[in-house]
Protein backbone atom coordinates (compact mmCIF):
# COMPACT_ATOMS: atom_id res chain seq x y z
CA UNK A 1 -0.42 0.03 0.06
CA UNK A 2 0.82 3.49 -0.61
CA UNK A 3 3.06 4.86 2.68
CA UNK A 4 1.18 8.20 2.57
CA UNK A 5 -2.65 7.51 2.03
CA UNK A 6 -4.54 10.06 -0.10
CA UNK A 7 -7.71 10.18 0.00
CA UNK A 8 -10.60 10.43 -2.98
CA UNK A 9 -10.76 14.20 -2.87
CA UNK A 10 -7.26 14.60 -2.62
CA UNK A 11 -6.17 12.71 -5.57
CA UNK A 12 -8.59 13.85 -7.76
CA UNK A 13 -7.83 17.65 -6.24
CA UNK A 14 -4.25 17.27 -6.95
CA UNK A 15 -4.85 15.47 -10.42
CA UNK A 16 -7.04 18.33 -11.73
CA UNK A 17 -6.04 21.60 -12.62
CA UNK A 18 -6.08 24.17 -9.96
CA UNK A 19 -8.16 21.41 -7.76
CA UNK A 20 -11.42 22.15 -9.55
CA UNK A 21 -13.68 19.20 -11.13
CA UNK A 22 -17.35 18.26 -11.20
CA UNK A 23 -18.39 15.22 -9.17
CA UNK A 24 -20.35 12.60 -10.81
CA UNK A 25 -22.61 10.01 -9.51
CA UNK A 26 -23.39 9.44 -5.77
CA UNK A 27 -19.96 8.92 -3.86
CA UNK A 28 -19.31 5.53 -2.43
CA UNK A 29 -16.44 3.08 -2.94
CA UNK A 30 -15.69 4.71 -5.75
CA UNK A 31 -15.86 8.71 -7.06
CA UNK A 32 -15.64 10.11 -10.79
CA UNK A 33 -15.47 13.55 -11.59
CA UNK A 34 -15.14 15.64 -14.86
CA UNK A 35 -12.43 18.63 -15.25
CA UNK A 36 -9.31 19.89 -16.83
CA UNK A 37 -5.55 18.22 -16.42
CA UNK A 38 -2.86 19.89 -17.53
CA UNK A 39 -5.38 21.95 -19.76
CA UNK A 40 -6.85 18.80 -21.38
CA UNK A 41 -10.65 18.03 -20.28
CA UNK A 42 -10.60 14.64 -18.40
CA UNK A 43 -12.90 12.32 -16.50
CA UNK A 44 -11.56 10.40 -13.49
CA UNK A 45 -12.62 7.62 -11.58
CA UNK A 46 -11.00 7.02 -8.18
CA UNK A 47 -11.17 4.10 -6.03
CA UNK A 48 -10.48 4.50 -1.96
CA UNK A 49 -9.04 0.98 -1.05
CA UNK A 50 -12.69 -0.28 -0.18
CA UNK A 51 -14.31 -3.47 -1.79
CA UNK A 52 -16.41 -2.46 -4.72
CA UNK A 53 -19.80 -4.03 -5.36
CA UNK A 54 -21.52 -4.09 -8.71
CA UNK A 55 -22.98 -0.44 -8.42
CA UNK A 56 -19.64 1.20 -8.52
CA UNK A 57 -18.61 -1.10 -11.60
CA UNK A 58 -21.39 -0.09 -13.27
CA UNK A 59 -20.36 3.54 -12.50
CA UNK A 60 -17.28 2.88 -13.69
CA UNK A 61 -18.41 1.52 -17.43
CA UNK A 62 -20.92 4.76 -17.21
CA UNK A 63 -17.97 6.83 -16.97
CA UNK A 64 -16.22 4.96 -19.65
CA UNK A 65 -19.38 5.25 -22.17
CA UNK A 66 -19.76 9.12 -21.46
CA UNK A 67 -15.97 9.46 -22.43
CA UNK A 68 -16.72 7.73 -25.89
CA UNK A 69 -19.76 10.06 -26.58
CA UNK A 70 -17.72 13.30 -25.44
CA UNK A 71 -14.17 12.46 -27.08
CA UNK A 72 -12.60 12.48 -23.70
CA UNK A 73 -9.82 11.14 -21.79
CA UNK A 74 -10.26 8.60 -18.62
CA UNK A 75 -7.78 8.64 -15.89
CA UNK A 76 -9.20 5.56 -13.27
CA UNK A 77 -7.07 5.56 -9.95
CA UNK A 78 -6.92 2.26 -8.63
CA UNK A 79 -6.72 1.14 -4.66
CA UNK A 80 -9.04 -1.31 -4.02
CA UNK A 81 -9.56 -4.10 -1.00
CA UNK A 82 -11.38 -6.26 -3.44
CA UNK A 83 -14.85 -6.75 -4.25
CA UNK A 84 -17.71 -7.43 -2.52
CA UNK A 85 -18.28 -11.41 -3.13
CA UNK A 86 -21.83 -11.57 -1.22
CA UNK A 87 -23.01 -10.19 -4.55
CA UNK A 88 -22.33 -12.86 -6.22
CA UNK A 89 -23.18 -13.23 -9.96
CA UNK A 90 -24.27 -9.72 -9.79
CA UNK A 91 -20.63 -8.54 -9.35
CA UNK A 92 -19.55 -10.87 -12.05
CA UNK A 93 -22.12 -9.56 -15.16
CA UNK A 94 -20.68 -6.07 -13.46
CA UNK A 95 -17.24 -7.06 -13.96
CA UNK A 96 -18.25 -8.43 -17.79
CA UNK A 97 -19.96 -4.74 -18.64
CA UNK A 98 -16.98 -2.86 -17.35
CA UNK A 99 -14.56 -5.27 -19.49
CA UNK A 100 -16.92 -4.96 -22.23
CA UNK A 101 -16.93 -1.26 -21.94
CA UNK A 102 -12.82 -0.84 -21.76
CA UNK A 103 -12.33 -2.88 -25.23
CA UNK A 104 -15.60 -1.01 -26.59
CA UNK A 105 -13.23 2.76 -26.07
CA UNK A 106 -9.95 1.02 -26.42
CA UNK A 107 -8.39 3.24 -29.53
CA UNK A 108 -11.30 5.99 -29.31
CA UNK A 109 -10.11 8.25 -26.16
CA UNK A 110 -7.07 7.52 -24.39
CA UNK A 111 -7.25 5.39 -21.45
CA UNK A 112 -4.70 6.02 -18.14
CA UNK A 113 -4.63 3.49 -15.49
CA UNK A 114 -2.88 4.76 -12.25
CA UNK A 115 -1.97 2.21 -9.54
CA UNK A 116 -1.67 3.76 -5.99
CA UNK A 117 -2.56 1.13 -4.10
CA UNK A 118 -3.79 -2.72 -4.16
CA UNK A 119 -4.80 -3.75 -7.42
CA UNK A 120 -5.67 -7.63 -8.12
CA UNK A 121 -7.85 -10.31 -9.98
CA UNK A 122 -10.19 -8.48 -12.25
CA UNK A 123 -8.70 -5.14 -11.48
CA UNK A 124 -5.43 -5.70 -12.62
CA UNK A 125 -7.02 -6.97 -15.82
CA UNK A 126 -8.80 -3.73 -16.61
CA UNK A 127 -5.75 -1.76 -15.31
CA UNK A 128 -3.53 -3.62 -17.82
CA UNK A 129 -6.00 -3.10 -20.62
CA UNK A 130 -5.52 0.68 -20.59
CA UNK A 131 -3.58 2.72 -23.52
CA UNK A 132 -0.84 3.45 -20.20
CA UNK A 133 -0.20 2.00 -16.40
CA UNK A 134 1.33 4.57 -13.85
CA UNK A 135 2.44 2.77 -10.94
CA UNK A 136 3.30 3.92 -7.16
CA UNK A 137 6.52 2.06 -6.46
CA UNK A 138 4.54 0.94 -2.91
CA UNK A 139 1.51 -0.38 -4.83
CA UNK A 140 0.51 -3.74 -5.76
CA UNK A 141 -0.66 -5.35 -9.20
CA UNK A 142 -1.43 -9.28 -9.47
CA UNK A 143 -3.28 -11.79 -11.01
CA UNK A 144 -2.59 -13.97 -7.91
CA UNK A 145 -2.18 -12.94 -4.83
CA UNK A 146 1.33 -13.28 -3.32
CA UNK A 147 0.40 -15.33 -0.46
CA UNK A 148 -2.14 -17.56 -2.14
CA UNK A 149 1.53 -18.32 -5.00
CA UNK A 150 2.95 -18.82 -1.81
CA UNK A 151 1.42 -21.21 -0.45
CA UNK A 152 1.11 -23.03 -3.88
CA UNK A 153 4.97 -23.42 -3.51
CA UNK A 154 5.26 -20.87 -6.55
CA UNK A 155 7.27 -18.18 -4.40
CA UNK A 156 8.40 -15.06 -5.84
CA UNK A 157 10.47 -12.27 -4.68
CA UNK A 158 8.59 -8.81 -4.64
CA UNK A 159 5.55 -10.46 -5.72
CA UNK A 160 3.07 -8.11 -7.00
CA UNK A 161 5.51 -5.39 -6.93
CA UNK A 162 5.80 -2.24 -8.91
CA UNK A 163 8.63 -3.33 -10.20
CA UNK A 164 7.80 -6.94 -11.18
CA UNK A 165 5.06 -5.03 -13.22
CA UNK A 166 7.52 -2.81 -14.73
CA UNK A 167 9.45 -5.27 -15.63
CA UNK A 168 7.12 -7.46 -17.68
CA UNK A 169 6.04 -4.65 -19.48
CA UNK A 170 2.27 -4.16 -17.42
CA UNK A 171 3.70 -0.59 -15.85
CA UNK A 172 4.64 2.45 -18.15
CA UNK A 173 5.72 4.32 -15.76
CA UNK A 174 6.97 4.33 -12.03
CA UNK A 175 6.18 6.80 -9.74
CA UNK A 176 8.23 7.50 -6.63
CA UNK A 177 4.71 7.46 -4.53
CA UNK A 178 1.25 8.36 -4.83
CA UNK A 179 1.42 12.15 -5.04
CA UNK A 180 4.37 11.63 -8.17
CA UNK A 181 2.05 9.23 -9.85
CA UNK A 182 -0.95 11.70 -9.77
CA UNK A 183 1.39 14.57 -11.29
CA UNK A 184 2.75 11.94 -13.71
CA UNK A 185 -1.04 11.02 -14.86
CA UNK A 186 -1.77 14.50 -15.08
CA UNK A 187 1.86 15.14 -17.48
CA UNK A 188 0.62 12.27 -19.90
CA UNK A 189 -3.18 13.86 -20.34
CA UNK A 190 -1.28 16.73 -21.63
CA UNK A 191 0.86 14.54 -23.95
CA UNK A 192 -1.79 13.05 -25.46
CA UNK A 193 -4.65 13.58 -27.90
CA UNK A 194 -8.26 13.93 -26.68
CA UNK A 195 -9.52 11.07 -28.73
CA UNK A 196 -8.70 8.90 -31.84
CA UNK A 197 -10.04 12.02 -34.35
CA UNK A 198 -8.23 15.19 -32.74
CA UNK A 199 -4.42 16.38 -33.63
CA UNK A 200 -1.72 16.10 -31.92
CA UNK A 201 -1.21 17.94 -28.86
CA UNK A 202 0.69 21.36 -28.93
CA UNK A 203 3.41 23.09 -26.95
CA UNK A 204 5.55 25.78 -26.85
CA UNK A 205 8.95 25.19 -28.38
CA UNK A 206 11.90 24.52 -26.49
CA UNK A 207 14.86 23.65 -28.17
CA UNK A 208 16.98 20.96 -26.76
CA UNK A 209 20.36 21.82 -24.92
CA UNK A 210 22.01 18.93 -26.32
CA UNK A 211 23.03 17.59 -29.96
CA UNK A 212 22.97 14.62 -31.71
CA UNK A 213 25.40 12.06 -29.34
CA UNK A 214 28.70 11.39 -31.24
CA UNK A 215 28.69 8.32 -29.24
CA UNK A 216 25.39 6.87 -29.93
CA UNK A 217 23.08 6.01 -26.94
CA UNK A 218 19.41 5.55 -27.77
CA UNK A 219 18.33 7.78 -24.83
CA UNK A 220 20.57 10.92 -25.75
CA UNK A 221 19.30 10.41 -29.50
CA UNK A 222 16.08 10.68 -28.30
CA UNK A 223 16.83 14.06 -26.21
CA UNK A 224 18.63 15.76 -29.26
CA UNK A 225 15.33 15.63 -31.09
CA UNK A 226 12.70 16.39 -28.46
CA UNK A 227 11.80 19.90 -27.40
CA UNK A 228 13.74 20.46 -23.87
CA UNK A 229 12.47 19.11 -20.54
CA UNK A 230 9.32 17.43 -23.15
CA UNK A 231 10.40 13.53 -22.84
CA UNK A 232 8.05 10.99 -20.74
CA UNK A 233 9.65 7.68 -21.25
CA UNK A 234 7.59 4.74 -21.20
CA UNK A 235 7.97 1.07 -20.87
CA UNK A 236 11.86 1.83 -18.94
CA UNK A 237 11.45 -1.25 -17.16
CA UNK A 238 11.11 -3.59 -20.12
CA UNK A 239 12.98 -4.60 -23.25
CA UNK A 240 16.25 -2.32 -22.13
CA UNK A 241 17.74 -2.36 -25.88
CA UNK A 242 14.67 0.02 -26.88
CA UNK A 243 13.94 3.75 -25.62
CA UNK A 244 10.50 4.73 -26.06
CA UNK A 245 9.02 8.21 -24.81
CA UNK A 246 6.13 10.55 -25.29
CA UNK A 247 7.49 14.07 -26.57
CA UNK A 248 7.34 17.08 -28.00
CA UNK A 249 9.56 17.91 -31.48
CA UNK A 250 8.95 21.53 -32.49
CA UNK A 251 6.21 22.44 -30.27
CA UNK A 252 3.84 19.19 -31.50
CA UNK A 253 3.64 15.49 -29.59
CA UNK A 254 4.96 12.85 -31.04
CA UNK A 255 6.24 9.13 -29.86
CA UNK A 256 10.06 8.71 -30.19
CA UNK A 257 11.47 5.30 -30.37
CA UNK A 258 15.28 4.40 -30.42
CA UNK A 259 16.88 1.13 -30.74
CA UNK A 260 20.32 0.94 -28.60
CA UNK A 261 23.22 -0.90 -30.56
CA UNK A 262 22.94 -4.01 -29.54
CA UNK A 263 20.60 -6.50 -30.71
CA UNK A 264 16.84 -7.15 -30.14
CA UNK A 265 15.53 -9.39 -27.67
CA UNK A 266 11.77 -10.31 -28.44
CA UNK A 267 11.23 -8.14 -25.12
CA UNK A 268 12.04 -5.33 -27.00
CA UNK A 269 10.17 -5.94 -30.13
CA UNK A 270 7.18 -6.52 -27.96
CA UNK A 271 7.69 -2.82 -26.58
CA UNK A 272 8.32 -1.39 -29.81
CA UNK A 273 5.35 -2.95 -31.02
CA UNK A 274 3.19 -2.13 -28.11
CA UNK A 275 4.34 1.49 -28.17
CA UNK A 276 3.54 2.13 -32.19
CA UNK A 277 0.41 0.89 -31.55
CA UNK A 278 -0.56 3.25 -29.22
CA UNK A 279 0.82 5.97 -31.48
CA UNK A 280 -1.12 4.77 -34.21
CA UNK A 281 -4.49 4.46 -32.72
CA UNK A 282 -3.98 8.35 -31.51
CA UNK A 283 -2.18 9.59 -35.01
CA UNK A 284 0.89 10.71 -32.92
CA UNK A 285 3.62 10.77 -35.75
CA UNK A 286 6.30 8.28 -34.79
CA UNK A 287 10.31 8.91 -34.83
CA UNK A 288 12.17 6.16 -35.09
CA UNK A 289 16.17 6.21 -34.63
CA UNK A 290 17.29 3.22 -36.16
CA UNK A 291 20.89 1.96 -34.70
CA UNK A 292 21.13 -1.46 -33.93
CA UNK A 293 22.74 -4.78 -34.39
CA UNK A 294 19.34 -6.52 -35.45
CA UNK A 295 17.48 -8.89 -33.93
CA UNK A 296 19.77 -11.13 -31.65
CA UNK A 297 20.82 -14.16 -33.49
CA UNK A 298 20.05 -16.65 -31.16
CA UNK A 299 17.73 -19.84 -31.35
CA UNK A 300 16.77 -19.59 -27.76
CA UNK A 301 15.34 -16.10 -28.63
CA UNK A 302 13.37 -17.51 -31.52
CA UNK A 303 11.73 -20.43 -29.57
CA UNK A 304 10.50 -17.92 -26.92
CA UNK A 305 8.76 -15.99 -29.23
CA UNK A 306 11.82 -13.71 -31.59
CA UNK A 307 10.25 -14.69 -34.90
CA UNK A 308 6.39 -14.26 -34.19
CA UNK A 309 7.14 -10.91 -32.27
CA UNK A 310 9.60 -9.63 -35.23
CA UNK A 311 6.82 -10.69 -37.45
CA UNK A 312 4.32 -8.70 -35.14
CA UNK A 313 6.84 -5.40 -35.33
CA UNK A 314 6.92 -5.48 -39.35
CA UNK A 315 3.18 -5.55 -39.25
CA UNK A 316 2.23 -3.18 -36.62
CA UNK A 317 4.79 -0.64 -38.48
CA UNK A 318 3.43 -1.30 -41.78
CA UNK A 319 -0.18 -1.27 -40.79
CA UNK A 320 0.60 1.84 -38.75
CA UNK A 321 -1.04 5.18 -40.80
CA UNK A 322 0.02 7.82 -38.45
CA UNK A 323 3.47 9.78 -39.84
CA UNK A 324 6.41 7.89 -39.52
CA UNK A 325 9.89 9.54 -40.03
CA UNK A 326 12.87 6.91 -39.71
CA UNK A 327 16.29 8.42 -38.60
CA UNK A 328 19.04 5.84 -39.59
CA UNK A 329 22.01 6.76 -37.13
CA UNK A 330 24.15 3.75 -37.63
CA UNK A 331 23.56 0.09 -38.73
CA UNK A 332 19.93 -0.66 -40.40
CA UNK A 333 20.52 -3.92 -41.84
CA UNK A 334 18.11 -6.71 -43.95
CA UNK A 335 15.07 -7.30 -41.87
CA UNK A 336 15.49 -4.70 -39.02
CA UNK A 337 15.63 -1.82 -42.18
CA UNK A 338 12.03 -3.46 -43.33
CA UNK A 339 10.64 -3.84 -39.71
CA UNK A 340 11.93 -0.41 -38.69
CA UNK A 341 13.34 2.57 -41.43
CA UNK A 342 10.84 1.91 -44.15
CA UNK A 343 8.79 5.25 -43.30
CA UNK A 344 7.02 8.15 -44.94
CA UNK A 345 10.53 10.23 -44.53
CA UNK A 346 13.75 8.44 -44.05
CA UNK A 347 16.45 10.20 -42.93
CA UNK A 348 20.46 9.11 -43.15
CA UNK A 349 23.21 10.23 -40.93
CA UNK A 350 26.84 10.10 -41.81
CA UNK A 351 27.86 6.35 -40.59
CA UNK A 352 24.46 4.62 -41.74
CA UNK A 353 24.83 1.42 -42.89
CA UNK A 354 21.78 0.44 -45.28
CA UNK A 355 22.15 -2.77 -46.58
CA UNK A 356 20.17 -6.45 -47.50
CA UNK A 357 22.87 -8.30 -45.03
CA UNK A 358 25.89 -7.24 -42.83
CA UNK A 359 28.64 -5.52 -45.35
CA UNK A 360 31.28 -8.44 -43.91
CA UNK A 361 28.69 -11.30 -44.73
CA UNK A 362 28.09 -9.55 -48.55
CA UNK A 363 31.89 -9.18 -49.38
CA UNK A 364 32.86 -12.83 -48.83
CA UNK A 365 30.75 -13.70 -51.11
CA UNK A 366 30.79 -10.92 -53.58
CA UNK A 367 34.64 -11.19 -53.82
CA UNK A 368 35.36 -14.68 -52.60
CA UNK A 369 38.30 -15.47 -54.89
CA UNK A 370 40.18 -11.90 -54.26
CA UNK A 371 39.77 -12.08 -50.01
CA UNK A 372 40.86 -15.67 -50.18
CA UNK A 373 43.75 -14.82 -52.55
CA UNK A 374 44.95 -12.35 -49.75
CA UNK A 375 47.97 -12.29 -47.26
CA UNK A 376 45.50 -12.02 -44.55
CA UNK A 377 41.82 -12.85 -45.10
CA UNK A 378 40.39 -10.78 -42.04
CA UNK A 379 42.22 -7.42 -42.95
CA UNK A 380 40.66 -8.09 -46.46
CA UNK A 381 37.66 -8.74 -45.46
CA UNK A 382 37.70 -5.71 -43.68
CA UNK A 383 39.08 -3.54 -46.22
CA UNK A 384 36.17 -4.87 -48.90
CA UNK A 385 33.72 -4.45 -46.17
CA UNK A 386 34.79 -0.95 -45.70
CA UNK A 387 34.98 0.13 -49.37
CA UNK A 388 31.17 -1.82 -49.91
CA UNK A 389 30.11 0.48 -47.18
CA UNK A 390 31.31 3.54 -48.96
CA UNK A 391 30.33 2.63 -52.44
CA UNK A 392 26.75 0.52 -51.79
CA UNK A 393 25.08 0.94 -48.36
CA UNK A 394 26.10 4.45 -47.14
CA UNK A 395 24.03 7.12 -46.42
CA UNK A 396 24.31 8.62 -50.19
CA UNK A 397 24.03 5.53 -51.60
CA UNK A 398 20.89 4.76 -49.37
CA UNK A 399 19.47 7.88 -50.73
CA UNK A 400 20.65 7.03 -54.37
CA UNK A 401 18.43 4.07 -54.47
CA UNK A 402 15.68 5.55 -52.82
CA UNK A 403 15.93 3.80 -49.48
CA UNK A 404 16.46 7.15 -47.49
CA UNK A 405 14.52 10.25 -48.22
CA UNK A 406 17.55 12.54 -47.61
CA UNK A 407 21.08 12.28 -46.12
CA UNK A 408 22.16 14.98 -43.38
CA UNK A 409 24.47 15.83 -40.94
CA UNK A 410 24.07 14.85 -37.01
CA UNK A 411 23.70 18.99 -36.19
CA UNK A 412 21.01 19.25 -38.98
CA UNK A 413 18.88 16.08 -38.08
CA UNK A 414 16.33 17.64 -35.43
CA UNK A 415 15.66 20.41 -38.29
CA UNK A 416 14.90 17.58 -40.55
CA UNK A 417 12.85 15.79 -38.32
CA UNK A 418 10.89 18.52 -37.55
CA UNK A 419 10.69 19.55 -41.26
CA UNK A 420 9.57 15.82 -42.40
CA UNK A 421 6.87 16.24 -39.51
CA UNK A 422 5.35 19.25 -41.03
CA UNK A 423 5.57 17.43 -44.32
CA UNK A 424 3.77 14.42 -42.89
CA UNK A 425 1.15 15.92 -40.65
CA UNK A 426 -1.74 15.91 -43.53
CA UNK A 427 -0.96 12.26 -44.18
CA UNK A 428 -4.08 10.53 -44.77
CA UNK A 429 -4.22 6.60 -45.88
CA UNK A 430 -7.15 4.63 -46.68
CA UNK A 431 -7.09 0.97 -45.79
CA UNK A 432 -8.84 -2.06 -47.54
CA UNK A 433 -12.13 -2.73 -46.09
CA UNK A 434 -11.60 -5.77 -43.38
CA UNK A 435 -12.64 -6.26 -39.68
CA UNK A 436 -8.94 -6.01 -38.48
CA UNK A 437 -5.81 -7.57 -39.75
CA UNK A 438 -4.33 -11.14 -38.14
CA UNK A 439 -1.09 -9.96 -37.60
CA UNK A 440 0.91 -12.10 -35.33
CA UNK A 441 0.44 -11.59 -31.22
């Protein structure tokens, strides 16, 4: 439980601008309200640590339905001692109704879950179904209560903790305490559009202090593109070789995804797919910075879901109709280029390597006789690979081949990204009529 317990009124007063809001329905174990947070109209549903009944779940579903009708985001604050089991099947029916309402408005208006205390069972499912989930570090989220798991011999250290929820990719953001979680939720609402038909949020432009890094790091690359102080990292505890964040570029809200130079495991790929799907649902432009050795060369990772998740990533990017800008800052070879860098506008930086296979592999086939005849095969391979990169798969060559839209210097990349976002701001794509695609999930 949170170390400093906040009441419903305190939570809502801290969340809404100037502490003012309009209460909805009668108060009970759940309080509903409407107001503005971060300048954005928003509905809020707040639990207070008591057991909930069917009436309270119906109240929550009614708020979600109102949000869909008015095109307004919803934030739900979770802290519940469970459900009133004496209500029996009425409780199950109310849970089903609420789950249906959450699914029905998914992709219509943003849903943010904020876990401030205990969130277990059906409530945990509901929180995990939100677009984003913020957790106070001393809150709990679980399907199976830790003491039940312990009794069955499945003891896990810190079971149900926010740390494990972040590691599992459920918690998008960890907050120090309840007050910090409430503040972070308001910050997210300000960055998200009000609904799937609204344009991206707009802010005052604050140029970044840092230039694009000479020694590439994903977080530094993102910071060099984003307006100063606008980055809000998401899923930082999951898929460590990918950095994902909501931010502003030149005053307009965007999603930024940047790969680390090391390989992408199946968790990294899941994280990227989830993030791009979120951005696409609300037409938030996606800027992807690519520099990676590729999908990890591991049969174990393939068996753990690597191939399935890589296919999902490729399909997610291809299916996304939001504006997509790729910045190739290093290696984008083979399947990784196909998955990440085939965008509306692709910007190549000096040192970019865009090729169907690794240059070292290509030259051993293309120049096999010449390399075999050399005094030092490793030295000859290295020299040929460098020549191949320069002439065949560097930034300028990629532009000439149509695999990149432009080649720019590192100190010009933010301006190029801002221009690309302006160019694609009016993008409209009509998909073939269908119920939905069937990409690997």
